[in-house]
Amino acid sequence: MSQSRTVGRRGQRPIGPLRPPTPEEIAWSQQMGQYRTKVPKDVFRYRSQAEANADWERWHAELVAATVEDGTQDETAAGSG
């Protein structure tokens, strides 16, 4: 039983050669990048966990309200009930 290994040189990458993204890949990337973040991006300092939880709940409530106003809620969830 023989084992082969390469010493001193790198082999071909398993994902294939590098290439620019296709138009479909670019469109997918742009579509995936269009979302609202749930939490503002910054550093926050709180005096208590309760203050932090209150902000977290407020941010989520604002996101839900904005989603409903924009009409971007999941259609499967809107159709059930």
N, C-alpha and C. Protein backbone atom coordinates (compact mmCIF):
# COMPACT_ATOMS: atom_id res chain seq x y z
N MET A 1 0.85 -1.17 0.00
CA MET A 1 0.00 0.00 0.00
C MET A 1 0.90 1.23 0.00
N SER A 2 0.73 2.08 -0.99
CA SER A 2 1.58 3.26 -1.09
C SER A 2 0.76 4.51 -0.77
N GLN A 3 1.40 5.41 -0.09
CA GLN A 3 0.78 6.69 0.23
C GLN A 3 1.51 7.76 -0.55
N SER A 4 0.75 8.64 -1.17
CA SER A 4 1.39 9.74 -1.90
C SER A 4 1.16 11.03 -1.14
N ARG A 5 2.17 11.86 -1.13
CA ARG A 5 2.02 13.18 -0.54
C ARG A 5 2.94 14.14 -1.27
N THR A 6 2.51 15.38 -1.31
CA THR A 6 3.28 16.40 -1.99
C THR A 6 4.07 17.17 -0.94
N VAL A 7 5.35 17.33 -1.20
CA VAL A 7 6.21 18.06 -0.28
C VAL A 7 6.81 19.24 -1.04
N GLY A 8 6.64 20.45 -0.50
CA GLY A 8 7.30 21.61 -1.08
C GLY A 8 6.51 22.39 -2.10
N ARG A 9 5.42 21.88 -2.59
CA ARG A 9 4.60 22.59 -3.56
C ARG A 9 3.13 22.42 -3.22
N ARG A 10 2.40 23.46 -3.44
CA ARG A 10 0.97 23.39 -3.16
C ARG A 10 0.24 22.78 -4.33
N GLY A 11 -0.80 22.05 -4.01
CA GLY A 11 -1.64 21.46 -5.05
C GLY A 11 -2.71 22.43 -5.49
N GLN A 12 -3.50 22.03 -6.46
CA GLN A 12 -4.60 22.85 -6.97
C GLN A 12 -5.64 23.02 -5.87
N ARG A 13 -6.20 24.20 -5.79
CA ARG A 13 -7.25 24.47 -4.80
C ARG A 13 -8.45 23.59 -5.10
N PRO A 14 -9.11 23.06 -4.07
CA PRO A 14 -10.25 22.17 -4.31
C PRO A 14 -11.48 22.89 -4.86
N ILE A 15 -11.56 24.21 -4.74
CA ILE A 15 -12.74 24.92 -5.21
C ILE A 15 -12.62 25.33 -6.68
N GLY A 16 -11.50 25.08 -7.28
CA GLY A 16 -11.34 25.43 -8.68
C GLY A 16 -10.58 26.73 -8.85
N PRO A 17 -10.31 27.10 -10.08
CA PRO A 17 -9.54 28.32 -10.33
C PRO A 17 -10.34 29.58 -9.97
N LEU A 18 -9.63 30.63 -9.64
CA LEU A 18 -10.29 31.90 -9.33
C LEU A 18 -10.83 32.52 -10.61
N ARG A 19 -11.98 33.17 -10.48
CA ARG A 19 -12.61 33.82 -11.62
C ARG A 19 -13.49 34.93 -11.09
N PRO A 20 -13.83 35.89 -11.92
CA PRO A 20 -14.76 36.92 -11.47
C PRO A 20 -16.15 36.31 -11.28
N PRO A 21 -16.99 36.92 -10.42
CA PRO A 21 -18.33 36.37 -10.20
C PRO A 21 -19.19 36.52 -11.45
N THR A 22 -20.11 35.55 -11.61
CA THR A 22 -21.04 35.59 -12.73
C THR A 22 -22.14 36.61 -12.43
N PRO A 23 -22.89 37.04 -13.44
CA PRO A 23 -23.99 37.98 -13.18
C PRO A 23 -25.02 37.41 -12.19
N GLU A 24 -25.26 36.10 -12.23
CA GLU A 24 -26.20 35.49 -11.28
C GLU A 24 -25.65 35.57 -9.86
N GLU A 25 -24.36 35.36 -9.69
CA GLU A 25 -23.75 35.45 -8.37
C GLU A 25 -23.78 36.90 -7.84
N ILE A 26 -23.55 37.84 -8.72
CA ILE A 26 -23.60 39.26 -8.33
C ILE A 26 -25.02 39.62 -7.89
N ALA A 27 -26.02 39.19 -8.67
CA ALA A 27 -27.41 39.49 -8.32
C ALA A 27 -27.78 38.85 -6.99
N TRP A 28 -27.35 37.62 -6.75
CA TRP A 28 -27.64 36.94 -5.48
C TRP A 28 -27.01 37.70 -4.32
N SER A 29 -25.77 38.13 -4.49
CA SER A 29 -25.07 38.85 -3.44
C SER A 29 -25.76 40.17 -3.12
N GLN A 30 -26.20 40.88 -4.15
CA GLN A 30 -26.88 42.15 -3.94
C GLN A 30 -28.23 41.95 -3.26
N GLN A 31 -28.95 40.88 -3.63
CA GLN A 31 -30.24 40.59 -3.02
C GLN A 31 -30.07 40.23 -1.55
N MET A 32 -29.06 39.45 -1.23
CA MET A 32 -28.84 39.04 0.15
C MET A 32 -28.37 40.21 1.01
N GLY A 33 -27.81 41.24 0.41
CA GLY A 33 -27.31 42.38 1.16
C GLY A 33 -28.37 43.42 1.47
N GLN A 34 -29.59 43.22 0.98
CA GLN A 34 -30.65 44.22 1.19
C GLN A 34 -31.54 43.78 2.35
N TYR A 35 -31.11 44.06 3.54
CA TYR A 35 -31.93 43.77 4.71
C TYR A 35 -31.63 44.81 5.78
N ARG A 36 -32.56 44.96 6.67
CA ARG A 36 -32.37 45.89 7.78
C ARG A 36 -31.73 45.13 8.94
N THR A 37 -30.76 45.74 9.54
CA THR A 37 -30.17 45.10 10.70
C THR A 37 -31.12 45.22 11.88
N LYS A 38 -31.07 44.27 12.76
CA LYS A 38 -31.96 44.25 13.91
C LYS A 38 -31.50 45.19 15.01
N VAL A 39 -30.21 45.43 15.08
CA VAL A 39 -29.64 46.22 16.17
C VAL A 39 -28.73 47.29 15.57
N PRO A 40 -28.82 48.52 16.02
CA PRO A 40 -27.88 49.54 15.56
C PRO A 40 -26.45 49.11 15.86
N LYS A 41 -25.55 49.41 14.96
CA LYS A 41 -24.16 49.00 15.12
C LYS A 41 -23.39 50.08 15.86
N ASP A 42 -23.05 49.80 17.08
CA ASP A 42 -22.30 50.74 17.90
C ASP A 42 -21.90 50.04 19.18
N VAL A 43 -21.24 50.72 20.05
CA VAL A 43 -20.89 50.19 21.36
C VAL A 43 -21.82 50.85 22.37
N PHE A 44 -22.53 50.03 23.13
CA PHE A 44 -23.48 50.53 24.11
C PHE A 44 -23.03 50.11 25.50
N ARG A 45 -23.16 51.01 26.43
CA ARG A 45 -22.84 50.70 27.83
C ARG A 45 -24.09 50.94 28.66
N TYR A 46 -24.45 49.94 29.44
CA TYR A 46 -25.66 50.01 30.25
C TYR A 46 -25.31 49.86 31.72
N ARG A 47 -26.15 50.45 32.56
CA ARG A 47 -25.96 50.32 34.01
C ARG A 47 -26.48 48.99 34.52
N SER A 48 -27.42 48.40 33.78
CA SER A 48 -27.99 47.13 34.23
C SER A 48 -28.40 46.29 33.02
N GLN A 49 -28.62 45.02 33.29
CA GLN A 49 -29.10 44.11 32.24
C GLN A 49 -30.50 44.50 31.82
N ALA A 50 -31.28 45.02 32.74
CA ALA A 50 -32.65 45.43 32.42
C ALA A 50 -32.67 46.54 31.37
N GLU A 51 -31.75 47.51 31.48
CA GLU A 51 -31.66 48.58 30.47
C GLU A 51 -31.29 48.01 29.11
N ALA A 52 -30.36 47.08 29.09
CA ALA A 52 -29.94 46.47 27.83
C ALA A 52 -31.10 45.69 27.21
N ASN A 53 -31.82 44.94 28.04
CA ASN A 53 -32.97 44.18 27.52
C ASN A 53 -34.05 45.10 26.99
N ALA A 54 -34.27 46.24 27.65
CA ALA A 54 -35.28 47.19 27.19
C ALA A 54 -34.92 47.74 25.80
N ASP A 55 -33.66 48.08 25.59
CA ASP A 55 -33.23 48.55 24.27
C ASP A 55 -33.40 47.46 23.22
N TRP A 56 -32.98 46.25 23.58
CA TRP A 56 -33.08 45.13 22.64
C TRP A 56 -34.54 44.92 22.23
N GLU A 57 -35.46 44.91 23.16
CA GLU A 57 -36.88 44.73 22.85
C GLU A 57 -37.42 45.90 22.03
N ARG A 58 -36.98 47.11 22.33
CA ARG A 58 -37.43 48.27 21.56
C ARG A 58 -36.98 48.17 20.11
N TRP A 59 -35.70 47.77 19.89
CA TRP A 59 -35.19 47.64 18.53
C TRP A 59 -35.97 46.59 17.74
N HIS A 60 -36.29 45.50 18.39
CA HIS A 60 -37.05 44.46 17.69
C HIS A 60 -38.47 44.91 17.40
N ALA A 61 -39.09 45.63 18.33
CA ALA A 61 -40.43 46.14 18.09
C ALA A 61 -40.43 47.13 16.92
N GLU A 62 -39.42 47.98 16.86
CA GLU A 62 -39.31 48.93 15.74
C GLU A 62 -39.11 48.20 14.42
N LEU A 63 -38.33 47.15 14.42
CA LEU A 63 -38.11 46.38 13.20
C LEU A 63 -39.39 45.71 12.73
N VAL A 64 -40.14 45.13 13.66
CA VAL A 64 -41.41 44.49 13.31
C VAL A 64 -42.38 45.53 12.75
N ALA A 65 -42.46 46.68 13.39
CA ALA A 65 -43.36 47.74 12.92
C ALA A 65 -42.97 48.20 11.52
N ALA A 66 -41.67 48.37 11.29
CA ALA A 66 -41.21 48.81 9.96
C ALA A 66 -41.48 47.74 8.91
N THR A 67 -41.34 46.49 9.30
CA THR A 67 -41.59 45.39 8.36
C THR A 67 -43.05 45.35 7.96
N VAL A 68 -43.94 45.52 8.92
CA VAL A 68 -45.37 45.50 8.64
C VAL A 68 -45.75 46.70 7.78
N GLU A 69 -45.20 47.86 8.07
CA GLU A 69 -45.49 49.06 7.28
C GLU A 69 -45.03 48.92 5.84
N ASP A 70 -43.86 48.29 5.65
CA ASP A 70 -43.31 48.12 4.31
C ASP A 70 -44.01 47.01 3.54
N GLY A 71 -44.77 46.18 4.25
CA GLY A 71 -45.42 45.06 3.58
C GLY A 71 -44.45 43.97 3.19
N THR A 72 -43.32 43.87 3.90
CA THR A 72 -42.31 42.89 3.54
C THR A 72 -42.38 41.65 4.42
N GLN A 73 -43.50 41.45 5.12
CA GLN A 73 -43.59 40.26 5.95
C GLN A 73 -43.73 39.03 5.07
N ASP A 74 -43.42 37.89 5.63
CA ASP A 74 -43.45 36.62 4.91
C ASP A 74 -44.88 36.33 4.45
N GLU A 75 -45.06 36.08 3.16
CA GLU A 75 -46.41 35.87 2.63
C GLU A 75 -47.02 34.57 3.12
N THR A 76 -46.20 33.58 3.41
CA THR A 76 -46.76 32.32 3.92
C THR A 76 -47.32 32.52 5.32
N ALA A 77 -46.67 33.36 6.13
CA ALA A 77 -47.18 33.64 7.47
C ALA A 77 -48.42 34.52 7.39
N ALA A 78 -48.48 35.43 6.43
CA ALA A 78 -49.62 36.33 6.29
C ALA A 78 -50.84 35.57 5.79
N GLY A 79 -50.64 34.53 5.00
CA GLY A 79 -51.76 33.78 4.44
C GLY A 79 -52.34 32.76 5.40
N SER A 80 -51.60 32.39 6.43
CA SER A 80 -52.10 31.39 7.35
C SER A 80 -52.90 32.06 8.46
N GLY A 81 -53.93 31.41 8.95
CA GLY A 81 -54.63 31.93 10.11
C GLY A 81 -56.08 32.11 9.94
